[in-house]
Amino acid sequence: MDHAADAHRTDLMTITRYVLNEQSKYPESRGDFSILLNHIVLGCKFVCSVVNKAGLAKIIGLAGETNVQGEEQKKLDVLSNEVFVKALVSSGRTCILVSEEDEEATFVEPSRRGRYCVVFDPLDGSSNIDCGVSIGTIFGIYMVKDDHEPTLDDVLQPGKNMLAAGYCMYGSSCTFVLSTGTGVNGFTLDPSLGEFILTHPNIKIPKKGKIYSVNEGNAKNWDGPTAKYVEKCKFPQDGSSSKSLRYIGSMVADVHRTLLYGGIFLYPADKKSPNGKLRVLYEVFPMSFLMEQAGGQAFTGKQRALDLVPAKIHERSPVFLGSYDEVEEIKALYAAEEEKA
């Protein structure tokens, strides 16, 4: 046995150590936020373990109901949702939970209430479970002011008010990407230790990218600026080489690749879905928060994504997010379209 190597393995920056280090920068901190993050991490570890066994267990297949978005619910969605709701309520640090799987927000009973609202998609891309494609959990955290009873308005805030956001991707490895508003860090689960280890410190998205990611099956329904941008990716007029198309169809996986390699992820509005398909609170906001923290941008076709103020908890929005220069191009195309109008 290599004892020196084993000793080195204990000198690793785990996610717990990272969060506690961050906490120590704020002497007034009571540790509530660290406890909440710990419970989210625990939920992710549990879901990761269940997802890995999904092909063996009879967990795969439909649970028979359709969720509030009209998507058929897989058993793993239901289970993941229960796991996160229980983990978050039992932390004693949350007051309102909004999940993609639940039509109504969950208000935590007063005796177990804390200062935070958590919005989450417990298992994004779950229709990909059967074919082994990466899926994930997405979350965002808001704080509630102490001076009133929590209401839905505490959650219906613009994304720029989020304290933290992140996702956990269950793929070839289990990766947890987190921002608490001071940059983006990526952690990978070491199964032998059961700990997330810091493997991607201070992620910065490249300013330009060679990859675009969009469902081209919807092309006939796109608006002018989206169609022009994708055309330009494929047939650049300036003599540069074409961009590569990469589209997995699992938002966590597509955004993760975009964050690391650069490029752009598009889910535009179209004639079929005039408000876009992705949900503002627990898909658009957390991913836009991470992109901006990594030096990229996120745009809705009308405004900065994080400036949106949602009116409903399951509201949808178009989104274009990724490398700074790529999103600038999309913004210019929308601005030109507006001038014509």
C-alpha atoms as a PDB file:
ATOM      1  CA  MET A   1       0.000   0.000   0.000  1.00  0.00           C
ATOM      2  CA  ASP A   2       1.186   3.499  -0.812  1.00  0.00           C
ATOM      3  CA  HIS A   3       0.742   5.211   2.567  1.00  0.00           C
ATOM      4  CA  ALA A   4       2.136   8.523   1.325  1.00  0.00           C
ATOM      5  CA  ALA A   5      -0.488   8.646  -1.437  1.00  0.00           C
ATOM      6  CA  ASP A   6      -3.225   7.718   1.044  1.00  0.00           C
ATOM      7  CA  ALA A   7      -2.107  10.468   3.405  1.00  0.00           C
ATOM      8  CA  HIS A   8      -2.215  12.923   0.512  1.00  0.00           C
ATOM      9  CA  ARG A   9      -5.817  11.939  -0.174  1.00  0.00           C
ATOM     10  CA  THR A  10      -6.845  13.286   3.225  1.00  0.00           C
ATOM     11  CA  ASP A  11      -5.341  16.687   2.411  1.00  0.00           C
ATOM     12  CA  LEU A  12      -8.006  17.405  -0.174  1.00  0.00           C
ATOM     13  CA  MET A  13     -10.352  20.340  -0.481  1.00  0.00           C
ATOM     14  CA  THR A  14     -13.707  18.671   0.111  1.00  0.00           C
ATOM     15  CA  ILE A  15     -16.933  20.562  -0.449  1.00  0.00           C
ATOM     16  CA  THR A  16     -17.571  20.630   3.318  1.00  0.00           C
ATOM     17  CA  ARG A  17     -14.151  22.158   3.933  1.00  0.00           C
ATOM     18  CA  TYR A  18     -14.677  24.630   1.090  1.00  0.00           C
ATOM     19  CA  VAL A  19     -18.059  25.782   2.439  1.00  0.00           C
ATOM     20  CA  LEU A  20     -16.671  26.154   5.989  1.00  0.00           C
ATOM     21  CA  ASN A  21     -13.703  28.153   4.645  1.00  0.00           C
ATOM     22  CA  GLU A  22     -16.129  30.465   2.856  1.00  0.00           C
ATOM     23  CA  GLN A  23     -18.211  30.778   6.030  1.00  0.00           C
ATOM     24  CA  SER A  24     -15.163  31.795   8.078  1.00  0.00           C
ATOM     25  CA  LYS A  25     -14.818  34.907   5.872  1.00  0.00           C
ATOM     26  CA  TYR A  26     -18.031  36.224   7.452  1.00  0.00           C
ATOM     27  CA  PRO A  27     -17.584  36.495  11.227  1.00  0.00           C
ATOM     28  CA  GLU A  28     -21.283  37.286  11.694  1.00  0.00           C
ATOM     29  CA  SER A  29     -22.299  34.038   9.950  1.00  0.00           C
ATOM     30  CA  ARG A  30     -24.302  31.582  12.064  1.00  0.00           C
ATOM     31  CA  GLY A  31     -23.497  28.618   9.838  1.00  0.00           C
ATOM     32  CA  ASP A  32     -27.096  28.258   8.594  1.00  0.00           C
ATOM     33  CA  PHE A  33     -26.094  28.501   4.955  1.00  0.00           C
ATOM     34  CA  SER A  34     -23.364  25.858   5.415  1.00  0.00           C
ATOM     35  CA  ILE A  35     -25.877  23.502   7.033  1.00  0.00           C
ATOM     36  CA  LEU A  36     -28.332  24.038   4.163  1.00  0.00           C
ATOM     37  CA  LEU A  37     -25.668  23.335   1.529  1.00  0.00           C
ATOM     38  CA  ASN A  38     -24.657  20.203   3.428  1.00  0.00           C
ATOM     39  CA  HIS A  39     -28.223  18.904   3.172  1.00  0.00           C
ATOM     40  CA  ILE A  40     -28.348  19.662  -0.568  1.00  0.00           C
ATOM     41  CA  VAL A  41     -25.052  17.784  -1.037  1.00  0.00           C
ATOM     42  CA  LEU A  42     -26.418  14.826   0.924  1.00  0.00           C
ATOM     43  CA  GLY A  43     -29.525  14.755  -1.306  1.00  0.00           C
ATOM     44  CA  CYS A  44     -27.280  14.764  -4.399  1.00  0.00           C
ATOM     45  CA  LYS A  45     -25.180  11.859  -3.066  1.00  0.00           C
ATOM     46  CA  PHE A  46     -28.328   9.848  -2.423  1.00  0.00           C
ATOM     47  CA  VAL A  47     -29.776  10.542  -5.889  1.00  0.00           C
ATOM     48  CA  CYS A  48     -26.390   9.758  -7.480  1.00  0.00           C
ATOM     49  CA  SER A  49     -26.366   6.362  -5.807  1.00  0.00           C
ATOM     50  CA  VAL A  50     -29.942   5.601  -6.895  1.00  0.00           C
ATOM     51  CA  VAL A  51     -29.334   6.781 -10.478  1.00  0.00           C
ATOM     52  CA  ASN A  52     -26.307   4.483 -10.710  1.00  0.00           C
ATOM     53  CA  LYS A  53     -28.492   1.525  -9.782  1.00  0.00           C
ATOM     54  CA  ALA A  54     -31.408   2.572 -11.957  1.00  0.00           C
ATOM     55  CA  GLY A  55     -30.639   0.098 -14.717  1.00  0.00           C
ATOM     56  CA  LEU A  56     -30.687  -2.771 -12.235  1.00  0.00           C
ATOM     57  CA  ALA A  57     -33.585  -1.798 -10.024  1.00  0.00           C
ATOM     58  CA  LYS A  58     -37.176  -1.714 -11.130  1.00  0.00           C
ATOM     59  CA  ILE A  59     -37.108   1.992 -10.431  1.00  0.00           C
ATOM     60  CA  ILE A  60     -37.025   2.787 -14.122  1.00  0.00           C
ATOM     61  CA  GLY A  61     -40.290   3.217 -15.950  1.00  0.00           C
ATOM     62  CA  LEU A  62     -43.249   5.461 -15.497  1.00  0.00           C
ATOM     63  CA  ALA A  63     -44.784   6.188 -12.138  1.00  0.00           C
ATOM     64  CA  GLY A  64     -48.089   6.532 -13.940  1.00  0.00           C
ATOM     65  CA  GLU A  65     -48.708  10.211 -13.300  1.00  0.00           C
ATOM     66  CA  THR A  66     -47.963  13.264 -15.383  1.00  0.00           C
ATOM     67  CA  ASN A  67     -46.256  16.166 -13.605  1.00  0.00           C
ATOM     68  CA  VAL A  68     -47.486  19.765 -13.620  1.00  0.00           C
ATOM     69  CA  GLN A  69     -45.475  20.466 -16.790  1.00  0.00           C
ATOM     70  CA  GLY A  70     -47.341  17.710 -18.668  1.00  0.00           C
ATOM     71  CA  GLU A  71     -44.269  15.458 -18.712  1.00  0.00           C
ATOM     72  CA  GLU A  72     -44.689  11.811 -17.818  1.00  0.00           C
ATOM     73  CA  GLN A  73     -43.121  11.286 -14.423  1.00  0.00           C
ATOM     74  CA  LYS A  74     -40.548   8.580 -14.067  1.00  0.00           C
ATOM     75  CA  LYS A  75     -40.228   6.852 -10.744  1.00  0.00           C
ATOM     76  CA  LEU A  76     -36.816   8.370 -10.236  1.00  0.00           C
ATOM     77  CA  ASP A  77     -38.253  11.896 -10.552  1.00  0.00           C
ATOM     78  CA  VAL A  78     -40.729  11.131  -7.811  1.00  0.00           C
ATOM     79  CA  LEU A  79     -38.079   9.602  -5.573  1.00  0.00           C
ATOM     80  CA  SER A  80     -35.555  12.408  -6.154  1.00  0.00           C
ATOM     81  CA  ASN A  81     -38.208  14.988  -5.366  1.00  0.00           C
ATOM     82  CA  GLU A  82     -39.062  13.291  -2.074  1.00  0.00           C
ATOM     83  CA  VAL A  83     -35.367  13.019  -1.194  1.00  0.00           C
ATOM     84  CA  PHE A  84     -34.746  16.743  -1.705  1.00  0.00           C
ATOM     85  CA  VAL A  85     -37.923  17.913   0.005  1.00  0.00           C
ATOM     86  CA  LYS A  86     -37.093  15.788   3.066  1.00  0.00           C
ATOM     87  CA  ALA A  87     -33.422  16.811   3.078  1.00  0.00           C
ATOM     88  CA  LEU A  88     -34.306  20.498   2.817  1.00  0.00           C
ATOM     89  CA  VAL A  89     -37.096  20.486   5.402  1.00  0.00           C
ATOM     90  CA  SER A  90     -35.020  18.458   7.881  1.00  0.00           C
ATOM     91  CA  SER A  91     -32.165  20.997   7.611  1.00  0.00           C
ATOM     92  CA  GLY A  92     -34.365  23.362   9.633  1.00  0.00           C
ATOM     93  CA  ARG A  93     -33.025  26.214   7.492  1.00  0.00           C
ATOM     94  CA  THR A  94     -35.688  26.555   4.779  1.00  0.00           C
ATOM     95  CA  CYS A  95     -39.100  28.206   4.706  1.00  0.00           C
ATOM     96  CA  ILE A  96     -40.299  27.811   1.095  1.00  0.00           C
ATOM     97  CA  LEU A  97     -39.446  25.102  -1.438  1.00  0.00           C
ATOM     98  CA  VAL A  98     -40.357  25.228  -5.116  1.00  0.00           C
ATOM     99  CA  SER A  99     -39.864  21.999  -7.065  1.00  0.00           C
ATOM    100  CA  GLU A 100     -40.443  21.289 -10.745  1.00  0.00           C
ATOM    101  CA  GLU A 101     -42.417  18.213  -9.692  1.00  0.00           C
ATOM    102  CA  ASP A 102     -44.884  19.973  -7.349  1.00  0.00           C
ATOM    103  CA  GLU A 103     -47.638  22.207  -8.621  1.00  0.00           C
ATOM    104  CA  GLU A 104     -47.697  24.319  -5.456  1.00  0.00           C
ATOM    105  CA  ALA A 105     -44.824  25.685  -3.399  1.00  0.00           C
ATOM    106  CA  THR A 106     -44.123  23.880  -0.102  1.00  0.00           C
ATOM    107  CA  PHE A 107     -44.271  26.109   2.987  1.00  0.00           C
ATOM    108  CA  VAL A 108     -42.261  24.617   5.832  1.00  0.00           C
ATOM    109  CA  GLU A 109     -44.066  24.413   9.178  1.00  0.00           C
ATOM    110  CA  PRO A 110     -43.035  27.231  11.566  1.00  0.00           C
ATOM    111  CA  SER A 111     -41.266  24.924  14.056  1.00  0.00           C
ATOM    112  CA  ARG A 112     -38.782  23.788  11.359  1.00  0.00           C
ATOM    113  CA  ARG A 113     -38.516  27.037   9.495  1.00  0.00           C
ATOM    114  CA  GLY A 114     -35.340  28.887   8.523  1.00  0.00           C
ATOM    115  CA  ARG A 115     -34.391  31.903   6.422  1.00  0.00           C
ATOM    116  CA  TYR A 116     -33.899  30.353   2.991  1.00  0.00           C
ATOM    117  CA  CYS A 117     -36.057  29.590  -0.058  1.00  0.00           C
ATOM    118  CA  VAL A 118     -34.803  26.817  -2.311  1.00  0.00           C
ATOM    119  CA  VAL A 119     -35.971  26.383  -5.909  1.00  0.00           C
ATOM    120  CA  PHE A 120     -34.970  23.145  -7.617  1.00  0.00           C
ATOM    121  CA  ASP A 121     -35.459  20.652 -10.401  1.00  0.00           C
ATOM    122  CA  PRO A 122     -34.787  17.357  -8.604  1.00  0.00           C
ATOM    123  CA  LEU A 123     -33.968  15.348 -11.737  1.00  0.00           C
ATOM    124  CA  ASP A 124     -33.567  17.280 -14.960  1.00  0.00           C
ATOM    125  CA  GLY A 125     -33.429  15.230 -18.172  1.00  0.00           C
ATOM    126  CA  SER A 126     -34.932  12.137 -16.527  1.00  0.00           C
ATOM    127  CA  SER A 127     -36.352  10.913 -19.845  1.00  0.00           C
ATOM    128  CA  ASN A 128     -32.699  10.108 -20.657  1.00  0.00           C
ATOM    129  CA  ILE A 129     -32.307   7.620 -17.766  1.00  0.00           C
ATOM    130  CA  ASP A 130     -33.035   4.561 -19.853  1.00  0.00           C
ATOM    131  CA  CYS A 131     -30.204   5.297 -22.299  1.00  0.00           C
ATOM    132  CA  GLY A 132     -27.544   6.237 -19.746  1.00  0.00           C
ATOM    133  CA  VAL A 133     -27.201   9.898 -20.757  1.00  0.00           C
ATOM    134  CA  SER A 134     -26.110  12.362 -18.064  1.00  0.00           C
ATOM    135  CA  ILE A 135     -28.916  13.824 -15.971  1.00  0.00           C
ATOM    136  CA  GLY A 136     -28.799  16.174 -13.009  1.00  0.00           C
ATOM    137  CA  THR A 137     -30.259  18.240 -10.188  1.00  0.00           C
ATOM    138  CA  ILE A 138     -30.445  22.054 -10.484  1.00  0.00           C
ATOM    139  CA  PHE A 139     -30.986  24.407  -7.534  1.00  0.00           C
ATOM    140  CA  GLY A 140     -31.026  28.063  -6.512  1.00  0.00           C
ATOM    141  CA  ILE A 141     -31.171  29.653  -3.058  1.00  0.00           C
ATOM    142  CA  TYR A 142     -32.812  32.936  -1.973  1.00  0.00           C
ATOM    143  CA  MET A 143     -32.914  34.493   1.469  1.00  0.00           C
ATOM    144  CA  VAL A 144     -36.117  35.716   3.104  1.00  0.00           C
ATOM    145  CA  LYS A 145     -36.177  38.888   5.164  1.00  0.00           C
ATOM    146  CA  ASP A 146     -36.790  38.118   8.833  1.00  0.00           C
ATOM    147  CA  ASP A 147     -39.477  40.738   9.285  1.00  0.00           C
ATOM    148  CA  HIS A 148     -42.538  38.922   7.887  1.00  0.00           C
ATOM    149  CA  GLU A 149     -44.311  35.618   7.347  1.00  0.00           C
ATOM    150  CA  PRO A 150     -42.890  33.972   4.211  1.00  0.00           C
ATOM    151  CA  THR A 151     -45.081  34.360   1.112  1.00  0.00           C
ATOM    152  CA  LEU A 152     -44.727  33.403  -2.558  1.00  0.00           C
ATOM    153  CA  ASP A 153     -43.334  36.889  -3.242  1.00  0.00           C
ATOM    154  CA  ASP A 154     -40.184  35.826  -1.383  1.00  0.00           C
ATOM    155  CA  VAL A 155     -39.555  33.319  -4.191  1.00  0.00           C
ATOM    156  CA  LEU A 156     -40.820  35.385  -7.128  1.00  0.00           C
ATOM    157  CA  GLN A 157     -37.675  37.496  -7.185  1.00  0.00           C
ATOM    158  CA  PRO A 158     -35.294  38.225 -10.050  1.00  0.00           C
ATOM    159  CA  GLY A 159     -32.411  35.775 -10.400  1.00  0.00           C
ATOM    160  CA  LYS A 160     -29.855  38.477  -9.572  1.00  0.00           C
ATOM    161  CA  ASN A 161     -31.118  38.279  -5.955  1.00  0.00           C
ATOM    162  CA  MET A 162     -30.064  34.632  -5.595  1.00  0.00           C
ATOM    163  CA  LEU A 163     -27.462  33.946  -2.912  1.00  0.00           C
ATOM    164  CA  ALA A 164     -26.219  30.757  -4.523  1.00  0.00           C
ATOM    165  CA  ALA A 165     -26.946  28.368  -7.358  1.00  0.00           C
ATOM    166  CA  GLY A 166     -25.597  25.111  -8.649  1.00  0.00           C
ATOM    167  CA  TYR A 167     -26.217  21.738 -10.202  1.00  0.00           C
ATOM    168  CA  CYS A 168     -25.155  18.172  -9.659  1.00  0.00           C
ATOM    169  CA  MET A 169     -24.587  16.080 -12.780  1.00  0.00           C
ATOM    170  CA  TYR A 170     -24.928  12.312 -12.611  1.00  0.00           C
ATOM    171  CA  GLY A 171     -22.829  11.070 -15.509  1.00  0.00           C
ATOM    172  CA  SER A 172     -19.581   9.178 -16.032  1.00  0.00           C
ATOM    173  CA  SER A 173     -18.643  10.824 -12.740  1.00  0.00           C
ATOM    174  CA  CYS A 174     -20.815  12.720 -10.273  1.00  0.00           C
ATOM    175  CA  THR A 175     -19.990  16.427 -10.516  1.00  0.00           C
ATOM    176  CA  PHE A 176     -21.263  19.207  -8.235  1.00  0.00           C
ATOM    177  CA  VAL A 177     -20.892  22.765  -9.567  1.00  0.00           C
ATOM    178  CA  LEU A 178     -21.555  25.621  -7.165  1.00  0.00           C
ATOM    179  CA  SER A 179     -21.445  29.397  -6.994  1.00  0.00           C
ATOM    180  CA  THR A 180     -22.072  31.375  -3.831  1.00  0.00           C
ATOM    181  CA  GLY A 181     -21.663  34.656  -5.709  1.00  0.00           C
ATOM    182  CA  THR A 182     -17.834  34.735  -5.759  1.00  0.00           C
ATOM    183  CA  GLY A 183     -16.972  32.636  -8.820  1.00  0.00           C
ATOM    184  CA  VAL A 184     -17.776  29.049  -9.776  1.00  0.00           C
ATOM    185  CA  ASN A 185     -16.185  25.866  -8.415  1.00  0.00           C
ATOM    186  CA  GLY A 186     -16.606  22.248  -9.525  1.00  0.00           C
ATOM    187  CA  PHE A 187     -16.349  19.213  -7.253  1.00  0.00           C
ATOM    188  CA  THR A 188     -16.212  15.531  -8.217  1.00  0.00           C
ATOM    189  CA  LEU A 189     -17.522  12.725  -6.014  1.00  0.00           C
ATOM    190  CA  ASP A 190     -14.815  10.303  -4.892  1.00  0.00           C
ATOM    191  CA  PRO A 191     -16.902   7.154  -4.382  1.00  0.00           C
ATOM    192  CA  SER A 192     -14.265   5.538  -2.154  1.00  0.00           C
ATOM    193  CA  LEU A 193     -14.448   8.461   0.296  1.00  0.00           C
ATOM    194  CA  GLY A 194     -18.079   9.424  -0.285  1.00  0.00           C
ATOM    195  CA  GLU A 195     -16.844  13.024  -0.520  1.00  0.00           C
ATOM    196  CA  PHE A 196     -17.001  15.701  -3.196  1.00  0.00           C
ATOM    197  CA  ILE A 197     -13.427  16.870  -3.928  1.00  0.00           C
ATOM    198  CA  LEU A 198     -12.570  20.245  -5.512  1.00  0.00           C
ATOM    199  CA  THR A 199     -11.424  19.318  -9.035  1.00  0.00           C
ATOM    200  CA  HIS A 200     -12.370  22.442 -11.025  1.00  0.00           C
ATOM    201  CA  PRO A 201     -11.404  25.518  -8.978  1.00  0.00           C
ATOM    202  CA  ASN A 202     -12.549  28.931 -10.213  1.00  0.00           C
ATOM    203  CA  ILE A 203     -14.161  27.870 -13.516  1.00  0.00           C
ATOM    204  CA  LYS A 204     -13.995  30.567 -16.195  1.00  0.00           C
ATOM    205  CA  ILE A 205     -15.873  30.116 -19.465  1.00  0.00           C
ATOM    206  CA  PRO A 206     -13.802  30.950 -22.594  1.00  0.00           C
ATOM    207  CA  LYS A 207     -14.742  34.369 -24.061  1.00  0.00           C
ATOM    208  CA  LYS A 208     -15.542  32.759 -27.421  1.00  0.00           C
ATOM    209  CA  GLY A 209     -16.492  29.187 -28.263  1.00  0.00           C
ATOM    210  CA  LYS A 210     -16.556  26.774 -31.197  1.00  0.00           C
ATOM    211  CA  ILE A 211     -19.704  24.885 -30.129  1.00  0.00           C
ATOM    212  CA  TYR A 212     -23.387  25.755 -30.390  1.00  0.00           C
ATOM    213  CA  SER A 213     -26.050  23.684 -28.668  1.00  0.00           C
ATOM    214  CA  VAL A 214     -29.698  23.817 -29.736  1.00  0.00           C
ATOM    215  CA  ASN A 215     -32.528  21.489 -30.746  1.00  0.00           C
ATOM    216  CA  GLU A 216     -32.480  22.012 -34.509  1.00  0.00           C
ATOM    217  CA  GLY A 217     -35.620  19.911 -34.840  1.00  0.00           C
ATOM    218  CA  ASN A 218     -37.506  23.102 -33.911  1.00  0.00           C
ATOM    219  CA  ALA A 219     -35.821  25.198 -36.622  1.00  0.00           C
ATOM    220  CA  LYS A 220     -38.963  25.708 -38.748  1.00  0.00           C
ATOM    221  CA  ASN A 221     -40.619  27.482 -35.804  1.00  0.00           C
ATOM    222  CA  TRP A 222     -37.720  29.790 -34.830  1.00  0.00           C
ATOM    223  CA  ASP A 223     -37.776  33.578 -34.954  1.00  0.00           C
ATOM    224  CA  GLY A 224     -35.456  35.566 -37.267  1.00  0.00           C
ATOM    225  CA  PRO A 225     -32.521  36.278 -34.887  1.00  0.00           C
ATOM    226  CA  THR A 226     -32.204  32.633 -33.752  1.00  0.00           C
ATOM    227  CA  ALA A 227     -32.362  31.341 -37.340  1.00  0.00           C
ATOM    228  CA  LYS A 228     -29.765  33.941 -38.452  1.00  0.00           C
ATOM    229  CA  TYR A 229     -27.404  33.076 -35.599  1.00  0.00           C
ATOM    230  CA  VAL A 230     -27.534  29.323 -36.261  1.00  0.00           C
ATOM    231  CA  GLU A 231     -27.091  29.935 -40.000  1.00  0.00           C
ATOM    232  CA  LYS A 232     -23.986  31.990 -39.167  1.00  0.00           C
ATOM    233  CA  CYS A 233     -22.657  29.144 -36.979  1.00  0.00           C
ATOM    234  CA  LYS A 234     -22.951  26.738 -39.903  1.00  0.00           C
ATOM    235  CA  PHE A 235     -22.064  29.048 -42.813  1.00  0.00           C
ATOM    236  CA  PRO A 236     -19.851  31.871 -41.476  1.00  0.00           C
ATOM    237  CA  GLN A 237     -19.487  34.742 -43.967  1.00  0.00           C
ATOM    238  CA  ASP A 238     -16.171  36.001 -42.551  1.00  0.00           C
ATOM    239  CA  GLY A 239     -14.054  33.068 -43.718  1.00  0.00           C
ATOM    240  CA  SER A 240     -13.825  31.518 -40.227  1.00  0.00           C
ATOM    241  CA  SER A 241     -14.542  27.817 -39.750  1.00  0.00           C
ATOM    242  CA  SER A 242     -18.040  26.564 -38.888  1.00  0.00           C
ATOM    243  CA  LYS A 243     -19.000  25.858 -35.302  1.00  0.00           C
ATOM    244  CA  SER A 244     -19.706  22.306 -34.149  1.00  0.00           C
ATOM    245  CA  LEU A 245     -23.218  21.334 -33.047  1.00  0.00           C
ATOM    246  CA  ARG A 246     -23.463  19.404 -29.771  1.00  0.00           C
ATOM    247  CA  TYR A 247     -26.904  18.792 -28.281  1.00  0.00           C
ATOM    248  CA  ILE A 248     -27.512  16.195 -25.590  1.00  0.00           C
ATOM    249  CA  GLY A 249     -31.049  17.236 -24.659  1.00  0.00           C
ATOM    250  CA  SER A 250     -30.268  17.188 -20.951  1.00  0.00           C
ATOM    251  CA  MET A 251     -29.845  20.801 -19.794  1.00  0.00           C
ATOM    252  CA  VAL A 252     -27.341  20.015 -17.036  1.00  0.00           C
ATOM    253  CA  ALA A 253     -25.048  18.130 -19.435  1.00  0.00           C
ATOM    254  CA  ASP A 254     -25.321  20.731 -22.214  1.00  0.00           C
ATOM    255  CA  VAL A 255     -24.677  23.646 -19.830  1.00  0.00           C
ATOM    256  CA  HIS A 256     -21.800  21.793 -18.122  1.00  0.00           C
ATOM    257  CA  ARG A 257     -20.026  21.297 -21.453  1.00  0.00           C
ATOM    258  CA  THR A 258     -20.677  24.937 -22.419  1.00  0.00           C
ATOM    259  CA  LEU A 259     -19.254  26.149 -19.096  1.00  0.00           C
ATOM    260  CA  LEU A 260     -16.039  24.136 -19.495  1.00  0.00           C
ATOM    261  CA  TYR A 261     -15.423  24.360 -23.243  1.00  0.00           C
ATOM    262  CA  GLY A 262     -17.157  27.619 -24.157  1.00  0.00           C
ATOM    263  CA  GLY A 263     -19.765  28.212 -26.848  1.00  0.00           C
ATOM    264  CA  ILE A 264     -23.473  28.844 -26.498  1.00  0.00           C
ATOM    265  CA  PHE A 265     -26.566  26.974 -25.344  1.00  0.00           C
ATOM    266  CA  LEU A 266     -29.842  28.149 -26.892  1.00  0.00           C
ATOM    267  CA  TYR A 267     -33.412  27.309 -25.982  1.00  0.00           C
ATOM    268  CA  PRO A 268     -35.292  30.003 -27.902  1.00  0.00           C
ATOM    269  CA  ALA A 269     -38.966  30.822 -28.005  1.00  0.00           C
ATOM    270  CA  ASP A 270     -40.676  29.523 -31.133  1.00  0.00           C
ATOM    271  CA  LYS A 271     -44.137  29.355 -32.692  1.00  0.00           C
ATOM    272  CA  LYS A 272     -44.918  26.187 -30.743  1.00  0.00           C
ATOM    273  CA  SER A 273     -43.637  27.537 -27.401  1.00  0.00           C
ATOM    274  CA  PRO A 274     -43.865  31.342 -27.596  1.00  0.00           C
ATOM    275  CA  ASN A 275     -42.530  31.679 -24.027  1.00  0.00           C
ATOM    276  CA  GLY A 276     -39.767  29.117 -24.471  1.00  0.00           C
ATOM    277  CA  LYS A 277     -39.722  25.759 -22.701  1.00  0.00           C
ATOM    278  CA  LEU A 278     -37.306  26.144 -19.777  1.00  0.00           C
ATOM    279  CA  ARG A 279     -38.620  27.172 -16.361  1.00  0.00           C
ATOM    280  CA  VAL A 280     -37.377  30.492 -15.037  1.00  0.00           C
ATOM    281  CA  LEU A 281     -36.935  29.795 -11.318  1.00  0.00           C
ATOM    282  CA  TYR A 282     -35.158  26.465 -11.260  1.00  0.00           C
ATOM    283  CA  GLU A 283     -33.590  26.131 -14.732  1.00  0.00           C
ATOM    284  CA  VAL A 284     -32.969  29.540 -16.323  1.00  0.00           C
ATOM    285  CA  PHE A 285     -31.970  31.450 -13.156  1.00  0.00           C
ATOM    286  CA  PRO A 286     -29.492  28.989 -11.590  1.00  0.00           C
ATOM    287  CA  MET A 287     -27.742  28.312 -14.921  1.00  0.00           C
ATOM    288  CA  SER A 288     -27.654  32.032 -15.802  1.00  0.00           C
ATOM    289  CA  PHE A 289     -26.247  32.825 -12.345  1.00  0.00           C
ATOM    290  CA  LEU A 290     -23.453  30.274 -12.866  1.00  0.00           C
ATOM    291  CA  MET A 291     -22.707  31.535 -16.396  1.00  0.00           C
ATOM    292  CA  GLU A 292     -22.375  35.148 -15.256  1.00  0.00           C
ATOM    293  CA  GLN A 293     -20.220  34.119 -12.297  1.00  0.00           C
ATOM    294  CA  ALA A 294     -17.928  32.273 -14.728  1.00  0.00           C
ATOM    295  CA  GLY A 295     -17.595  35.359 -16.951  1.00  0.00           C
ATOM    296  CA  GLY A 296     -20.280  34.489 -19.507  1.00  0.00           C
ATOM    297  CA  GLN A 297     -23.715  35.974 -20.182  1.00  0.00           C
ATOM    298  CA  ALA A 298     -27.361  34.897 -20.230  1.00  0.00           C
ATOM    299  CA  PHE A 299     -30.035  36.651 -22.308  1.00  0.00           C
ATOM    300  CA  THR A 300     -33.740  35.982 -22.888  1.00  0.00           C
ATOM    301  CA  GLY A 301     -34.081  37.618 -26.308  1.00  0.00           C
ATOM    302  CA  LYS A 302     -35.346  40.773 -24.589  1.00  0.00           C
ATOM    303  CA  GLN A 303     -33.217  41.326 -21.478  1.00  0.00           C
ATOM    304  CA  ARG A 304     -30.528  39.987 -19.172  1.00  0.00           C
ATOM    305  CA  ALA A 305     -31.937  36.695 -17.884  1.00  0.00           C
ATOM    306  CA  LEU A 306     -31.218  37.447 -14.207  1.00  0.00           C
ATOM    307  CA  ASP A 307     -33.274  40.684 -14.389  1.00  0.00           C
ATOM    308  CA  LEU A 308     -36.496  38.784 -15.197  1.00  0.00           C
ATOM    309  CA  VAL A 309     -39.153  39.028 -12.492  1.00  0.00           C
ATOM    310  CA  PRO A 310     -41.285  35.845 -12.571  1.00  0.00           C
ATOM    311  CA  ALA A 311     -45.020  36.186 -11.934  1.00  0.00           C
ATOM    312  CA  LYS A 312     -45.652  32.448 -11.403  1.00  0.00           C
ATOM    313  CA  ILE A 313     -43.492  29.729  -9.866  1.00  0.00           C
ATOM    314  CA  HIS A 314     -43.500  27.549 -13.009  1.00  0.00           C
ATOM    315  CA  GLU A 315     -43.119  30.410 -15.491  1.00  0.00           C
ATOM    316  CA  ARG A 316     -41.088  29.708 -18.639  1.00  0.00           C
ATOM    317  CA  SER A 317     -38.643  31.803 -20.638  1.00  0.00           C
ATOM    318  CA  PRO A 318     -36.417  31.551 -23.698  1.00  0.00           C
ATOM    319  CA  VAL A 319     -32.692  31.604 -22.868  1.00  0.00           C
ATOM    320  CA  PHE A 320     -29.356  32.056 -24.636  1.00  0.00           C
ATOM    321  CA  LEU A 321     -26.404  31.451 -22.368  1.00  0.00           C
ATOM    322  CA  GLY A 322     -22.691  30.862 -22.717  1.00  0.00           C
ATOM    323  CA  SER A 323     -19.488  32.620 -23.776  1.00  0.00           C
ATOM    324  CA  TYR A 324     -19.567  36.416 -23.520  1.00  0.00           C
ATOM    325  CA  ASP A 325     -18.888  37.126 -27.208  1.00  0.00           C
ATOM    326  CA  GLU A 326     -21.380  34.527 -28.482  1.00  0.00           C
ATOM    327  CA  VAL A 327     -24.220  35.989 -26.407  1.00  0.00           C
ATOM    328  CA  GLU A 328     -23.180  39.487 -27.582  1.00  0.00           C
ATOM    329  CA  GLU A 329     -23.794  38.309 -31.168  1.00  0.00           C
ATOM    330  CA  ILE A 330     -27.287  37.065 -30.308  1.00  0.00           C
ATOM    331  CA  LYS A 331     -28.036  40.358 -28.529  1.00  0.00           C
ATOM    332  CA  ALA A 332     -26.940  42.317 -31.609  1.00  0.00           C
ATOM    333  CA  LEU A 333     -29.230  40.232 -33.860  1.00  0.00           C
ATOM    334  CA  TYR A 334     -32.220  40.848 -31.553  1.00  0.00           C
ATOM    335  CA  ALA A 335     -31.402  44.577 -31.361  1.00  0.00           C
ATOM    336  CA  ALA A 336     -31.268  44.764 -35.187  1.00  0.00           C
ATOM    337  CA  GLU A 337     -34.628  42.968 -35.426  1.00  0.00           C
ATOM    338  CA  GLU A 338     -36.144  45.442 -32.979  1.00  0.00           C
ATOM    339  CA  GLU A 339     -34.889  48.427 -34.994  1.00  0.00           C
ATOM    340  CA  LYS A 340     -36.563  47.015 -38.107  1.00  0.00           C
ATOM    341  CA  ALA A 341     -39.835  46.701 -36.192  1.00  0.00           C
END
